[in-house]
């Protein structure tokens, strides 16, 4: 103050003050890129801000449990995780995102059957799969029971080659799959056990020759 006709000059006095810049918010999302459907996606979100953190997968808000976030991946597709904070008196607004893909299960189909059987044999054909499977034998459809055994009377099958095909049709949660296996039903080799003929046969007479089969029970 330089004074006037009423007041004397005053010494200079200064006061310093600072303009505080807001802290920059950082957000980091850690999650896998790919997960198989029907599994849990567990991911983390870390921020340096003290503001409320809102985490979503799509439009669904996810709450933290012990620092982890869990999302039930029950639908196939590509999804986005978002994490954001609002601006406060001390922090800037923050935002981060990460995409991940939910893929289908690889389907399995395993056929178990011995490669060779004899006519009238009773045997089992088993098909195991991690989802619904359709079974055909030489083009004809057959059901399977709860144990995976094909419901068929094998003793009625004639001699020949048979192709078992197990098919999983692609659906909303499983990729398709086709596998096949071949088995054969063969006839028995006929075995002659004994032949009995008369010692002497007169010309013009009838002679009886007896043939005994060792293992033949039909067609004699």
Protein backbone atom coordinates (compact mmCIF):
# COMPACT_ATOMS: atom_id res chain seq x y z
CA UNK A 1 0.00 0.00 0.00
CA UNK A 2 1.51 3.34 -1.09
CA UNK A 3 -0.48 5.53 1.26
CA UNK A 4 -2.59 8.64 0.68
CA UNK A 5 -3.55 11.87 2.43
CA UNK A 6 -4.97 9.84 5.28
CA UNK A 7 -2.85 6.66 5.55
CA UNK A 8 0.87 6.04 5.58
CA UNK A 9 2.54 3.65 3.19
CA UNK A 10 2.45 -0.03 4.28
CA UNK A 11 5.07 -2.78 3.80
CA UNK A 12 4.41 -5.35 1.10
CA UNK A 13 2.94 -8.68 2.17
CA UNK A 14 2.42 -11.78 -0.05
CA UNK A 15 0.50 -15.00 0.37
CA UNK A 16 1.11 -18.14 -1.67
CA UNK A 17 -1.59 -20.64 -2.68
CA UNK A 18 -1.62 -23.72 -4.85
CA UNK A 19 -4.11 -24.89 -7.47
CA UNK A 20 -4.43 -28.63 -6.91
CA UNK A 21 -4.70 -30.82 -10.05
CA UNK A 22 -7.07 -33.81 -9.62
CA UNK A 23 -5.57 -37.28 -9.40
CA UNK A 24 -5.76 -39.25 -12.64
CA UNK A 25 -7.85 -42.39 -12.22
CA UNK A 26 -6.39 -45.63 -13.52
CA UNK A 27 -8.39 -48.87 -13.93
CA UNK A 28 -7.02 -52.27 -14.92
CA UNK A 29 -9.13 -55.34 -15.81
CA UNK A 30 -7.55 -58.80 -15.81
CA UNK A 31 -9.56 -61.63 -17.40
CA UNK A 32 -9.02 -64.53 -19.78
CA UNK A 33 -9.83 -64.01 -23.45
CA UNK A 34 -11.77 -67.26 -23.98
CA UNK A 35 -13.93 -69.42 -21.72
CA UNK A 36 -16.09 -72.49 -22.39
CA UNK A 37 -19.83 -72.05 -21.86
CA UNK A 38 -21.34 -73.11 -18.48
CA UNK A 39 -18.16 -72.19 -16.63
CA UNK A 40 -17.42 -69.30 -14.27
CA UNK A 41 -15.33 -66.38 -15.46
CA UNK A 42 -13.41 -65.04 -12.46
CA UNK A 43 -11.66 -61.72 -13.11
CA UNK A 44 -10.14 -58.82 -11.21
CA UNK A 45 -10.52 -55.05 -11.50
CA UNK A 46 -8.02 -52.74 -9.81
CA UNK A 47 -8.22 -48.95 -9.51
CA UNK A 48 -6.25 -46.28 -7.67
CA UNK A 49 -9.32 -44.10 -7.19
CA UNK A 50 -11.28 -43.90 -3.97
CA UNK A 51 -14.48 -43.24 -5.91
CA UNK A 52 -17.15 -45.95 -6.22
CA UNK A 53 -16.20 -48.53 -8.83
CA UNK A 54 -19.01 -49.91 -11.01
CA UNK A 55 -18.26 -53.15 -12.87
CA UNK A 56 -20.56 -54.68 -15.49
CA UNK A 57 -20.63 -57.51 -18.01
CA UNK A 58 -22.89 -56.17 -20.71
CA UNK A 59 -25.74 -54.55 -18.81
CA UNK A 60 -25.39 -56.74 -15.73
CA UNK A 61 -23.61 -55.22 -12.75
CA UNK A 62 -21.17 -57.56 -10.98
CA UNK A 63 -20.27 -57.17 -7.32
CA UNK A 64 -16.85 -57.92 -5.90
CA UNK A 65 -16.20 -60.79 -3.50
CA UNK A 66 -12.77 -60.86 -1.85
CA UNK A 67 -11.41 -58.70 -4.65
CA UNK A 68 -12.66 -61.01 -7.41
CA UNK A 69 -15.60 -60.70 -9.76
CA UNK A 70 -17.50 -63.79 -10.96
CA UNK A 71 -19.63 -64.08 -14.09
CA UNK A 72 -21.57 -67.24 -15.01
CA UNK A 73 -20.87 -67.77 -18.71
CA UNK A 74 -24.10 -69.54 -19.67
CA UNK A 75 -24.48 -68.10 -23.17
CA UNK A 76 -22.16 -68.39 -26.18
CA UNK A 77 -20.94 -65.11 -27.68
CA UNK A 78 -18.59 -62.15 -27.24
CA UNK A 79 -19.07 -60.01 -24.15
CA UNK A 80 -17.54 -56.82 -22.75
CA UNK A 81 -16.48 -56.12 -19.18
CA UNK A 82 -16.68 -52.43 -18.29
CA UNK A 83 -15.38 -50.69 -15.18
CA UNK A 84 -15.89 -47.01 -14.41
CA UNK A 85 -15.76 -44.41 -11.68
CA UNK A 86 -17.34 -40.97 -11.54
CA UNK A 87 -15.36 -37.76 -11.14
CA UNK A 88 -14.96 -36.51 -7.57
CA UNK A 89 -13.36 -33.50 -5.92
CA UNK A 90 -10.00 -35.27 -5.95
CA UNK A 91 -10.20 -37.83 -8.76
CA UNK A 92 -10.92 -37.70 -12.46
CA UNK A 93 -13.53 -40.02 -13.93
CA UNK A 94 -12.15 -43.41 -14.98
CA UNK A 95 -13.13 -46.04 -17.53
CA UNK A 96 -11.74 -49.35 -18.81
CA UNK A 97 -13.12 -52.26 -20.81
CA UNK A 98 -12.13 -55.75 -21.92
CA UNK A 99 -13.85 -58.24 -24.22
CA UNK A 100 -13.94 -62.01 -23.82
CA UNK A 101 -15.50 -64.81 -25.84
CA UNK A 102 -17.65 -67.69 -24.57
CA UNK A 103 -17.28 -70.73 -26.83
CA UNK A 104 -19.17 -74.04 -27.11
CA UNK A 105 -18.10 -77.36 -25.62
CA UNK A 106 -16.28 -79.80 -27.87
CA UNK A 107 -18.63 -82.78 -28.07
CA UNK A 108 -17.36 -86.33 -27.65
CA UNK A 109 -18.67 -89.63 -28.99
CA UNK A 110 -16.97 -92.97 -28.37
CA UNK A 111 -18.22 -96.29 -29.78
CA UNK A 112 -17.17 -99.54 -28.12
CA UNK A 113 -17.83 -102.84 -29.89
CA UNK A 114 -15.70 -105.88 -30.64
CA UNK A 115 -14.84 -106.14 -34.34
CA UNK A 116 -16.01 -109.73 -35.01
CA UNK A 117 -18.97 -111.77 -33.76
CA UNK A 118 -20.69 -114.97 -34.84
CA UNK A 119 -24.27 -115.32 -35.99
CA UNK A 120 -26.72 -115.50 -33.06
CA UNK A 121 -24.16 -114.09 -30.63
CA UNK A 122 -25.44 -111.77 -27.92
CA UNK A 123 -23.08 -108.82 -27.44
CA UNK A 124 -23.25 -105.15 -26.47
CA UNK A 125 -22.56 -101.96 -28.40
CA UNK A 126 -21.82 -98.98 -26.17
CA UNK A 127 -21.78 -95.30 -27.09
CA UNK A 128 -20.59 -92.67 -24.63
CA UNK A 129 -20.90 -88.92 -25.14
CA UNK A 130 -20.86 -85.72 -23.10
CA UNK A 131 -24.18 -84.65 -24.64
CA UNK A 132 -27.13 -86.04 -26.60
CA UNK A 133 -26.01 -88.49 -29.28
CA UNK A 134 -27.89 -90.18 -32.12
CA UNK A 135 -26.93 -93.74 -33.12
CA UNK A 136 -27.52 -95.57 -36.39
CA UNK A 137 -26.43 -99.05 -37.46
CA UNK A 138 -26.35 -99.51 -41.24
CA UNK A 139 -28.58 -96.46 -41.52
CA UNK A 140 -31.23 -97.58 -39.03
CA UNK A 141 -31.68 -95.52 -35.84
CA UNK A 142 -31.39 -97.10 -32.41
CA UNK A 143 -31.94 -95.76 -28.92
CA UNK A 144 -29.42 -96.06 -26.12
CA UNK A 145 -30.15 -96.64 -22.46
CA UNK A 146 -28.93 -94.68 -19.44
CA UNK A 147 -25.67 -96.67 -19.45
CA UNK A 148 -24.95 -95.87 -23.09
CA UNK A 149 -25.81 -99.36 -24.35
CA UNK A 150 -27.48 -99.51 -27.75
CA UNK A 151 -30.89 -101.18 -27.43
CA UNK A 152 -30.67 -103.93 -30.03
CA UNK A 153 -31.07 -107.72 -30.12
CA UNK A 154 -27.76 -108.69 -31.67
CA UNK A 155 -28.75 -112.36 -31.83
CA UNK A 156 -31.19 -111.50 -34.62
CA UNK A 157 -28.61 -109.84 -36.87
CA UNK A 158 -27.68 -111.85 -39.97
CA UNK A 159 -24.11 -112.32 -41.13
CA UNK A 160 -22.59 -109.23 -42.71
CA UNK A 161 -20.75 -105.97 -42.14
CA UNK A 162 -22.26 -103.36 -39.84
CA UNK A 163 -21.32 -99.70 -39.48
CA UNK A 164 -22.22 -97.94 -36.24
CA UNK A 165 -22.43 -94.14 -36.59
CA UNK A 166 -22.69 -91.85 -33.55
CA UNK A 167 -23.70 -88.28 -34.37
CA UNK A 168 -23.84 -85.21 -32.15
CA UNK A 169 -25.72 -82.41 -33.85
CA UNK A 170 -24.40 -78.91 -33.13
CA UNK A 171 -26.60 -76.93 -30.76
CA UNK A 172 -26.39 -73.75 -28.70
CA UNK A 173 -23.77 -75.19 -26.35
CA UNK A 174 -22.00 -78.04 -28.18
CA UNK A 175 -20.13 -78.32 -31.44
CA UNK A 176 -21.16 -81.17 -33.72
CA UNK A 177 -19.27 -84.45 -34.00
CA UNK A 178 -19.55 -87.67 -36.02
CA UNK A 179 -17.68 -90.91 -35.42
CA UNK A 180 -18.15 -94.45 -36.68
CA UNK A 181 -16.97 -97.98 -36.08
CA UNK A 182 -17.36 -101.20 -38.07
CA UNK A 183 -18.00 -104.73 -36.85
CA UNK A 184 -18.71 -107.97 -38.69
CA UNK A 185 -21.02 -110.87 -37.96
CA UNK A 186 -19.71 -114.08 -39.53
CA UNK A 187 -21.00 -117.59 -39.96
CA UNK A 188 -19.48 -120.54 -38.14
CA UNK A 189 -17.23 -122.91 -40.08
CA UNK A 190 -19.07 -126.20 -40.41
CA UNK A 191 -17.16 -129.20 -39.00
CA UNK A 192 -17.86 -132.83 -39.85
CA UNK A 193 -17.38 -135.13 -36.89
CA UNK A 194 -17.91 -138.53 -38.53
CA UNK A 195 -18.95 -140.26 -41.77
CA UNK A 196 -20.31 -143.81 -41.62
CA UNK A 197 -20.70 -145.92 -44.79
CA UNK A 198 -21.50 -149.63 -45.32
CA UNK A 199 -18.54 -151.87 -45.76
CA UNK A 200 -19.83 -153.52 -48.98
CA UNK A 201 -22.54 -152.21 -51.32
CA UNK A 202 -24.00 -154.37 -54.08
CA UNK A 203 -24.43 -152.74 -57.43
CA UNK A 204 -27.98 -151.42 -57.76
CA UNK A 205 -28.67 -151.46 -54.03
CA UNK A 206 -29.33 -148.37 -51.96
CA UNK A 207 -26.65 -147.46 -49.49
CA UNK A 208 -27.05 -145.29 -46.39
CA UNK A 209 -24.22 -142.96 -45.59
CA UNK A 210 -24.43 -141.22 -42.20
CA UNK A 211 -22.73 -137.87 -41.70
CA UNK A 212 -22.44 -136.46 -38.20
CA UNK A 213 -21.75 -132.72 -37.88
CA UNK A 214 -19.70 -131.52 -34.97
CA UNK A 215 -21.15 -128.04 -34.55
CA UNK A 216 -24.03 -127.60 -37.02
CA UNK A 217 -27.52 -127.30 -35.55
CA UNK A 218 -29.45 -126.14 -38.61
CA UNK A 219 -29.71 -126.84 -42.35
CA UNK A 220 -28.97 -130.56 -41.99
